[in-house]
Each structure stands twice: as C-alpha cells, then as structure tokens.
PDB file of N, CA and C in Angstrom:
ATOM      1  N   MET A   1      -6.659 -34.858  32.523  1.00  0.00           N
ATOM      2  CA  MET A   1      -5.359 -34.457  32.041  1.00  0.00           C
ATOM      3  C   MET A   1      -5.328 -32.933  31.873  1.00  0.00           C
ATOM      4  N   ARG A   2      -4.304 -32.306  32.379  1.00  0.00           N
ATOM      5  CA  ARG A   2      -4.173 -30.858  32.341  1.00  0.00           C
ATOM      6  C   ARG A   2      -3.410 -30.425  31.089  1.00  0.00           C
ATOM      7  N   THR A   3      -3.914 -29.401  30.406  1.00  0.00           N
ATOM      8  CA  THR A   3      -3.216 -28.866  29.233  1.00  0.00           C
ATOM      9  C   THR A   3      -2.637 -27.497  29.568  1.00  0.00           C
ATOM     10  N   PHE A   4      -1.502 -27.198  28.997  1.00  0.00           N
ATOM     11  CA  PHE A   4      -0.812 -25.939  29.240  1.00  0.00           C
ATOM     12  C   PHE A   4      -0.860 -25.083  27.980  1.00  0.00           C
ATOM     13  N   PRO A   5      -1.021 -23.772  28.137  1.00  0.00           N
ATOM     14  CA  PRO A   5      -1.013 -22.900  26.955  1.00  0.00           C
ATOM     15  C   PRO A   5       0.387 -22.866  26.344  1.00  0.00           C
ATOM     16  N   ARG A   6       0.437 -22.675  25.057  1.00  0.00           N
ATOM     17  CA  ARG A   6       1.721 -22.591  24.363  1.00  0.00           C
ATOM     18  C   ARG A   6       2.256 -21.170  24.508  1.00  0.00           C
ATOM     19  N   THR A   7       3.276 -21.020  25.338  1.00  0.00           N
ATOM     20  CA  THR A   7       3.791 -19.674  25.623  1.00  0.00           C
ATOM     21  C   THR A   7       5.275 -19.529  25.351  1.00  0.00           C
ATOM     22  N   GLY A   8       5.854 -20.425  24.565  1.00  0.00           N
ATOM     23  CA  GLY A   8       7.276 -20.328  24.269  1.00  0.00           C
ATOM     24  C   GLY A   8       7.600 -19.091  23.456  1.00  0.00           C
ATOM     25  N   SER A   9       8.867 -18.801  23.314  1.00  0.00           N
ATOM     26  CA  SER A   9       9.321 -17.617  22.590  1.00  0.00           C
ATOM     27  C   SER A   9       8.859 -17.604  21.142  1.00  0.00           C
ATOM     28  N   PHE A  10       8.838 -18.758  20.510  1.00  0.00           N
ATOM     29  CA  PHE A  10       8.551 -18.816  19.084  1.00  0.00           C
ATOM     30  C   PHE A  10       7.166 -19.346  18.746  1.00  0.00           C
ATOM     31  N   ASN A  11       6.471 -19.930  19.704  1.00  0.00           N
ATOM     32  CA  ASN A  11       5.178 -20.510  19.377  1.00  0.00           C
ATOM     33  C   ASN A  11       4.019 -19.879  20.138  1.00  0.00           C
ATOM     34  N   GLY A  12       4.254 -18.753  20.779  1.00  0.00           N
ATOM     35  CA  GLY A  12       3.179 -18.063  21.496  1.00  0.00           C
ATOM     36  C   GLY A  12       2.207 -17.410  20.525  1.00  0.00           C
ATOM     37  N   THR A  13       0.996 -17.190  20.984  1.00  0.00           N
ATOM     38  CA  THR A  13       0.021 -16.534  20.130  1.00  0.00           C
ATOM     39  C   THR A  13       0.132 -15.027  20.303  1.00  0.00           C
ATOM     40  N   ARG A  14      -0.078 -14.294  19.216  1.00  0.00           N
ATOM     41  CA  ARG A  14      -0.043 -12.842  19.257  1.00  0.00           C
ATOM     42  C   ARG A  14      -1.341 -12.310  18.680  1.00  0.00           C
ATOM     43  N   ALA A  15      -1.778 -11.194  19.206  1.00  0.00           N
ATOM     44  CA  ALA A  15      -2.967 -10.545  18.658  1.00  0.00           C
ATOM     45  C   ALA A  15      -2.609  -9.929  17.312  1.00  0.00           C
ATOM     46  N   GLN A  16      -3.435 -10.140  16.321  1.00  0.00           N
ATOM     47  CA  GLN A  16      -3.204  -9.611  14.979  1.00  0.00           C
ATOM     48  C   GLN A  16      -4.028  -8.344  14.791  1.00  0.00           C
ATOM     49  N   THR A  17      -3.574  -7.254  15.361  1.00  0.00           N
ATOM     50  CA  THR A  17      -4.297  -5.991  15.212  1.00  0.00           C
ATOM     51  C   THR A  17      -3.596  -5.125  14.186  1.00  0.00           C
ATOM     52  N   GLY A  18      -4.356  -4.437  13.384  1.00  0.00           N
ATOM     53  CA  GLY A  18      -3.778  -3.536  12.404  1.00  0.00           C
ATOM     54  C   GLY A  18      -3.013  -4.242  11.308  1.00  0.00           C
ATOM     55  N   CYS A  19      -3.405  -5.449  10.950  1.00  0.00           N
ATOM     56  CA  CYS A  19      -2.706  -6.199   9.914  1.00  0.00           C
ATOM     57  C   CYS A  19      -2.860  -5.508   8.567  1.00  0.00           C
ATOM     58  N   MET A  20      -1.801  -5.519   7.806  1.00  0.00           N
ATOM     59  CA  MET A  20      -1.806  -4.935   6.481  1.00  0.00           C
ATOM     60  C   MET A  20      -1.855  -6.059   5.455  1.00  0.00           C
ATOM     61  N   SER A  21      -2.346  -5.731   4.275  1.00  0.00           N
ATOM     62  CA  SER A  21      -2.351  -6.731   3.220  1.00  0.00           C
ATOM     63  C   SER A  21      -0.931  -6.919   2.702  1.00  0.00           C
ATOM     64  N   LEU A  22      -0.738  -7.961   1.922  1.00  0.00           N
ATOM     65  CA  LEU A  22       0.575  -8.254   1.374  1.00  0.00           C
ATOM     66  C   LEU A  22       0.811  -7.590   0.024  1.00  0.00           C
ATOM     67  N   GLU A  23      -0.230  -6.978  -0.530  1.00  0.00           N
ATOM     68  CA  GLU A  23      -0.076  -6.293  -1.809  1.00  0.00           C
ATOM     69  C   GLU A  23      -0.720  -4.921  -1.767  1.00  0.00           C
ATOM     70  N   LEU A  24      -0.240  -4.036  -2.646  1.00  0.00           N
ATOM     71  CA  LEU A  24      -0.665  -2.645  -2.652  1.00  0.00           C
ATOM     72  C   LEU A  24      -0.611  -2.109  -4.076  1.00  0.00           C
ATOM     73  N   GLU A  25      -1.645  -1.419  -4.508  1.00  0.00           N
ATOM     74  CA  GLU A  25      -1.656  -0.753  -5.812  1.00  0.00           C
ATOM     75  C   GLU A  25      -1.020   0.626  -5.613  1.00  0.00           C
ATOM     76  N   HIS A  26       0.061   0.910  -6.352  1.00  0.00           N
ATOM     77  CA  HIS A  26       0.814   2.144  -6.146  1.00  0.00           C
ATOM     78  C   HIS A  26       1.462   2.549  -7.464  1.00  0.00           C
ATOM     79  N   TYR A  27       1.705   3.837  -7.640  1.00  0.00           N
ATOM     80  CA  TYR A  27       2.378   4.304  -8.846  1.00  0.00           C
ATOM     81  C   TYR A  27       3.863   3.964  -8.783  1.00  0.00           C
ATOM     82  N   CYS A  28       4.366   3.370  -9.846  1.00  0.00           N
ATOM     83  CA  CYS A  28       5.788   3.028  -9.942  1.00  0.00           C
ATOM     84  C   CYS A  28       6.460   3.979 -10.924  1.00  0.00           C
ATOM     85  N   PRO A  29       7.396   4.816 -10.456  1.00  0.00           N
ATOM     86  CA  PRO A  29       8.055   5.764 -11.355  1.00  0.00           C
ATOM     87  C   PRO A  29       8.973   5.078 -12.376  1.00  0.00           C
ATOM     88  N   LYS A  30       9.451   3.890 -12.059  1.00  0.00           N
ATOM     89  CA  LYS A  30      10.311   3.169 -12.989  1.00  0.00           C
ATOM     90  C   LYS A  30       9.496   2.569 -14.139  1.00  0.00           C
ATOM     91  N   CYS A  31       8.321   2.011 -13.839  1.00  0.00           N
ATOM     92  CA  CYS A  31       7.425   1.452 -14.863  1.00  0.00           C
ATOM     93  C   CYS A  31       6.567   2.543 -15.509  1.00  0.00           C
ATOM     94  N   GLU A  32       6.469   3.696 -14.849  1.00  0.00           N
ATOM     95  CA  GLU A  32       5.652   4.836 -15.271  1.00  0.00           C
ATOM     96  C   GLU A  32       4.169   4.499 -15.386  1.00  0.00           C
ATOM     97  N   GLU A  33       3.682   3.667 -14.457  1.00  0.00           N
ATOM     98  CA  GLU A  33       2.265   3.309 -14.389  1.00  0.00           C
ATOM     99  C   GLU A  33       1.965   2.723 -13.014  1.00  0.00           C
ATOM    100  N   TYR A  34       0.689   2.564 -12.722  1.00  0.00           N
ATOM    101  CA  TYR A  34       0.305   1.922 -11.466  1.00  0.00           C
ATOM    102  C   TYR A  34       0.583   0.434 -11.571  1.00  0.00           C
ATOM    103  N   SER A  35       1.230  -0.099 -10.548  1.00  0.00           N
ATOM    104  CA  SER A  35       1.592  -1.513 -10.518  1.00  0.00           C
ATOM    105  C   SER A  35       1.233  -2.105  -9.169  1.00  0.00           C
ATOM    106  N   GLU A  36       1.308  -3.412  -9.096  1.00  0.00           N
ATOM    107  CA  GLU A  36       1.067  -4.116  -7.839  1.00  0.00           C
ATOM    108  C   GLU A  36       2.397  -4.229  -7.098  1.00  0.00           C
ATOM    109  N   PHE A  37       2.426  -3.719  -5.882  1.00  0.00           N
ATOM    110  CA  PHE A  37       3.613  -3.800  -5.042  1.00  0.00           C
ATOM    111  C   PHE A  37       3.389  -4.883  -3.992  1.00  0.00           C
ATOM    112  N   TRP A  38       4.461  -5.553  -3.630  1.00  0.00           N
ATOM    113  CA  TRP A  38       4.393  -6.626  -2.631  1.00  0.00           C
ATOM    114  C   TRP A  38       5.154  -6.227  -1.379  1.00  0.00           C
ATOM    115  N   LYS A  39       4.570  -6.533  -0.231  1.00  0.00           N
ATOM    116  CA  LYS A  39       5.241  -6.272   1.041  1.00  0.00           C
ATOM    117  C   LYS A  39       6.348  -7.307   1.209  1.00  0.00           C
ATOM    118  N   VAL A  40       7.592  -6.830   1.315  1.00  0.00           N
ATOM    119  CA  VAL A  40       8.725  -7.738   1.410  1.00  0.00           C
ATOM    120  C   VAL A  40       9.348  -7.768   2.803  1.00  0.00           C
ATOM    121  N   ALA A  41       9.035  -6.781   3.637  1.00  0.00           N
ATOM    122  CA  ALA A  41       9.569  -6.757   5.002  1.00  0.00           C
ATOM    123  C   ALA A  41       8.717  -5.834   5.861  1.00  0.00           C
ATOM    124  N   SER A  42       8.676  -6.152   7.147  1.00  0.00           N
ATOM    125  CA  SER A  42       7.928  -5.331   8.097  1.00  0.00           C
ATOM    126  C   SER A  42       8.554  -5.491   9.475  1.00  0.00           C
ATOM    127  N   THR A  43       8.707  -4.369  10.161  1.00  0.00           N
ATOM    128  CA  THR A  43       9.257  -4.409  11.511  1.00  0.00           C
ATOM    129  C   THR A  43       8.729  -3.225  12.311  1.00  0.00           C
ATOM    130  N   THR A  44       8.755  -3.344  13.610  1.00  0.00           N
ATOM    131  CA  THR A  44       8.349  -2.249  14.489  1.00  0.00           C
ATOM    132  C   THR A  44       9.596  -1.573  15.025  1.00  0.00           C
ATOM    133  N   MET A  45       9.628  -0.258  14.921  1.00  0.00           N
ATOM    134  CA  MET A  45      10.757   0.517  15.427  1.00  0.00           C
ATOM    135  C   MET A  45      10.232   1.695  16.233  1.00  0.00           C
ATOM    136  N   HIS A  46      11.119   2.521  16.763  1.00  0.00           N
ATOM    137  CA  HIS A  46      10.699   3.612  17.639  1.00  0.00           C
ATOM    138  C   HIS A  46       9.803   4.629  16.932  1.00  0.00           C
ATOM    139  N   LEU A  47       9.870   4.740  15.604  1.00  0.00           N
ATOM    140  CA  LEU A  47       9.018   5.666  14.862  1.00  0.00           C
ATOM    141  C   LEU A  47       7.656   5.068  14.520  1.00  0.00           C
ATOM    142  N   GLY A  48       7.535   3.757  14.625  1.00  0.00           N
ATOM    143  CA  GLY A  48       6.292   3.072  14.295  1.00  0.00           C
ATOM    144  C   GLY A  48       6.542   1.836  13.451  1.00  0.00           C
ATOM    145  N   GLN A  49       5.531   1.395  12.720  1.00  0.00           N
ATOM    146  CA  GLN A  49       5.620   0.213  11.876  1.00  0.00           C
ATOM    147  C   GLN A  49       6.313   0.561  10.555  1.00  0.00           C
ATOM    148  N   LYS A  50       7.450  -0.078  10.273  1.00  0.00           N
ATOM    149  CA  LYS A  50       8.206   0.157   9.040  1.00  0.00           C
ATOM    150  C   LYS A  50       7.897  -0.981   8.072  1.00  0.00           C
ATOM    151  N   VAL A  51       7.461  -0.622   6.853  1.00  0.00           N
ATOM    152  CA  VAL A  51       7.094  -1.631   5.857  1.00  0.00           C
ATOM    153  C   VAL A  51       7.813  -1.332   4.549  1.00  0.00           C
ATOM    154  N   LYS A  52       8.460  -2.342   3.966  1.00  0.00           N
ATOM    155  CA  LYS A  52       9.142  -2.209   2.684  1.00  0.00           C
ATOM    156  C   LYS A  52       8.261  -2.829   1.600  1.00  0.00           C
ATOM    157  N   TRP A  53       8.105  -2.104   0.486  1.00  0.00           N
ATOM    158  CA  TRP A  53       7.290  -2.542  -0.645  1.00  0.00           C
ATOM    159  C   TRP A  53       8.155  -2.596  -1.896  1.00  0.00           C
ATOM    160  N   HIS A  54       7.935  -3.615  -2.746  1.00  0.00           N
ATOM    161  CA  HIS A  54       8.655  -3.743  -4.011  1.00  0.00           C
ATOM    162  C   HIS A  54       7.679  -3.988  -5.145  1.00  0.00           C
ATOM    163  N   CYS A  55       7.954  -3.350  -6.289  1.00  0.00           N
ATOM    164  CA  CYS A  55       7.132  -3.498  -7.485  1.00  0.00           C
ATOM    165  C   CYS A  55       7.272  -4.924  -8.020  1.00  0.00           C
ATOM    166  N   GLY A  56       6.148  -5.516  -8.417  1.00  0.00           N
ATOM    167  CA  GLY A  56       6.159  -6.868  -8.962  1.00  0.00           C
ATOM    168  C   GLY A  56       6.691  -6.928 -10.384  1.00  0.00           C
ATOM    169  N   GLU A  57       6.812  -5.782 -11.058  1.00  0.00           N
ATOM    170  CA  GLU A  57       7.248  -5.739 -12.453  1.00  0.00           C
ATOM    171  C   GLU A  57       8.727  -5.361 -12.615  1.00  0.00           C
ATOM    172  N   CYS A  58       9.264  -4.600 -11.679  1.00  0.00           N
ATOM    173  CA  CYS A  58      10.655  -4.150 -11.795  1.00  0.00           C
ATOM    174  C   CYS A  58      11.327  -4.229 -10.418  1.00  0.00           C
ATOM    175  N   ASP A  59      12.445  -3.574 -10.270  1.00  0.00           N
ATOM    176  CA  ASP A  59      13.216  -3.610  -9.023  1.00  0.00           C
ATOM    177  C   ASP A  59      12.911  -2.456  -8.073  1.00  0.00           C
ATOM    178  N   TYR A  60      12.016  -1.551  -8.446  1.00  0.00           N
ATOM    179  CA  TYR A  60      11.751  -0.362  -7.639  1.00  0.00           C
ATOM    180  C   TYR A  60      11.105  -0.736  -6.302  1.00  0.00           C
ATOM    181  N   GLY A  61      11.567  -0.095  -5.235  1.00  0.00           N
ATOM    182  CA  GLY A  61      10.993  -0.319  -3.917  1.00  0.00           C
ATOM    183  C   GLY A  61      10.931   0.968  -3.122  1.00  0.00           C
ATOM    184  N   PHE A  62      10.075   0.981  -2.115  1.00  0.00           N
ATOM    185  CA  PHE A  62       9.984   2.137  -1.219  1.00  0.00           C
ATOM    186  C   PHE A  62       9.624   1.664   0.178  1.00  0.00           C
ATOM    187  N   VAL A  63       9.776   2.577   1.138  1.00  0.00           N
ATOM    188  CA  VAL A  63       9.536   2.276   2.551  1.00  0.00           C
ATOM    189  C   VAL A  63       8.483   3.225   3.086  1.00  0.00           C
ATOM    190  N   ARG A  64       7.590   2.702   3.904  1.00  0.00           N
ATOM    191  CA  ARG A  64       6.626   3.526   4.638  1.00  0.00           C
ATOM    192  C   ARG A  64       6.811   3.260   6.119  1.00  0.00           C
ATOM    193  N   ILE A  65       6.763   4.333   6.909  1.00  0.00           N
ATOM    194  CA  ILE A  65       6.836   4.197   8.360  1.00  0.00           C
ATOM    195  C   ILE A  65       5.558   4.775   8.936  1.00  0.00           C
ATOM    196  N   ASP A  66       4.716   3.922   9.444  1.00  0.00           N
ATOM    197  CA  ASP A  66       3.428   4.290  10.050  1.00  0.00           C
ATOM    198  C   ASP A  66       2.556   5.152   9.135  1.00  0.00           C
ATOM    199  N   GLY A  67       2.735   5.052   7.837  1.00  0.00           N
ATOM    200  CA  GLY A  67       1.937   5.827   6.902  1.00  0.00           C
ATOM    201  C   GLY A  67       2.299   7.303   6.865  1.00  0.00           C
ATOM    202  N   GLU A  68       3.197   7.745   7.736  1.00  0.00           N
ATOM    203  CA  GLU A  68       3.584   9.155   7.815  1.00  0.00           C
ATOM    204  C   GLU A  68       4.798   9.448   6.945  1.00  0.00           C
ATOM    205  N   VAL A  69       5.815   8.606   7.010  1.00  0.00           N
ATOM    206  CA  VAL A  69       7.040   8.774   6.240  1.00  0.00           C
ATOM    207  C   VAL A  69       6.957   7.821   5.059  1.00  0.00           C
ATOM    208  N   ASP A  70       7.102   8.356   3.849  1.00  0.00           N
ATOM    209  CA  ASP A  70       6.965   7.542   2.646  1.00  0.00           C
ATOM    210  C   ASP A  70       8.094   7.912   1.692  1.00  0.00           C
ATOM    211  N   THR A  71       9.044   6.997   1.455  1.00  0.00           N
ATOM    212  CA  THR A  71      10.180   7.307   0.592  1.00  0.00           C
ATOM    213  C   THR A  71       9.782   7.366  -0.876  1.00  0.00           C
ATOM    214  N   ALA A  72       8.563   6.990  -1.226  1.00  0.00           N
ATOM    215  CA  ALA A  72       8.114   7.069  -2.611  1.00  0.00           C
ATOM    216  C   ALA A  72       7.635   8.471  -2.968  1.00  0.00           C
ATOM    217  N   GLN A  73       7.327   9.299  -1.975  1.00  0.00           N
ATOM    218  CA  GLN A  73       6.832  10.653  -2.202  1.00  0.00           C
ATOM    219  C   GLN A  73       8.001  11.580  -2.536  1.00  0.00           C
ATOM    220  N   SER A  74       7.793  12.446  -3.511  1.00  0.00           N
ATOM    221  CA  SER A  74       8.838  13.423  -3.831  1.00  0.00           C
ATOM    222  C   SER A  74       8.763  14.588  -2.857  1.00  0.00           C
ATOM    223  N   ALA A  75       9.906  15.206  -2.615  1.00  0.00           N
ATOM    224  CA  ALA A  75       9.981  16.309  -1.646  1.00  0.00           C
ATOM    225  C   ALA A  75       9.450  17.596  -2.209  1.00  0.00           C
TER     226      ALA A  75
END
C-alpha cells in the first residue's frame, strides 16, 4: 500500500527554525517592575518577524520586529 505525504494547505509540515518562547521577562512601565509578558501574536512581514507581547499583570503591550524595532523602548 502506497502512502502519500500530507501536503495540503493547512496540514503540511513546516520547519520550525528560530522559534521563540511564548513568554518573556521584560520591564513593564505600567506595573513599574519586571513582569512576565506573553506572546499574543506573530506574523512575518517585509521588515521581518513581527511579535506582539502583553503583560500578564496589566493591559500594557509592545511590538518587536526582528528584534530591531521595539515599541517598548523610549526614543
């Protein structure tokens, strides 16, 4: 019996390179202390990998794009 690889649009296998964790220790300006942030969204765009992080204690969130652009950093 011949088996076929699963190559459909939604069930294909992808290489998991450069995976990030789902949590991050980061300073939260709203809580005024280091807190655990959770990854709530991730997508690839023309600038690189865009990741949204939210504080587990409050509503504060920030975005990082390929580690270069960070909306949590002050100008």
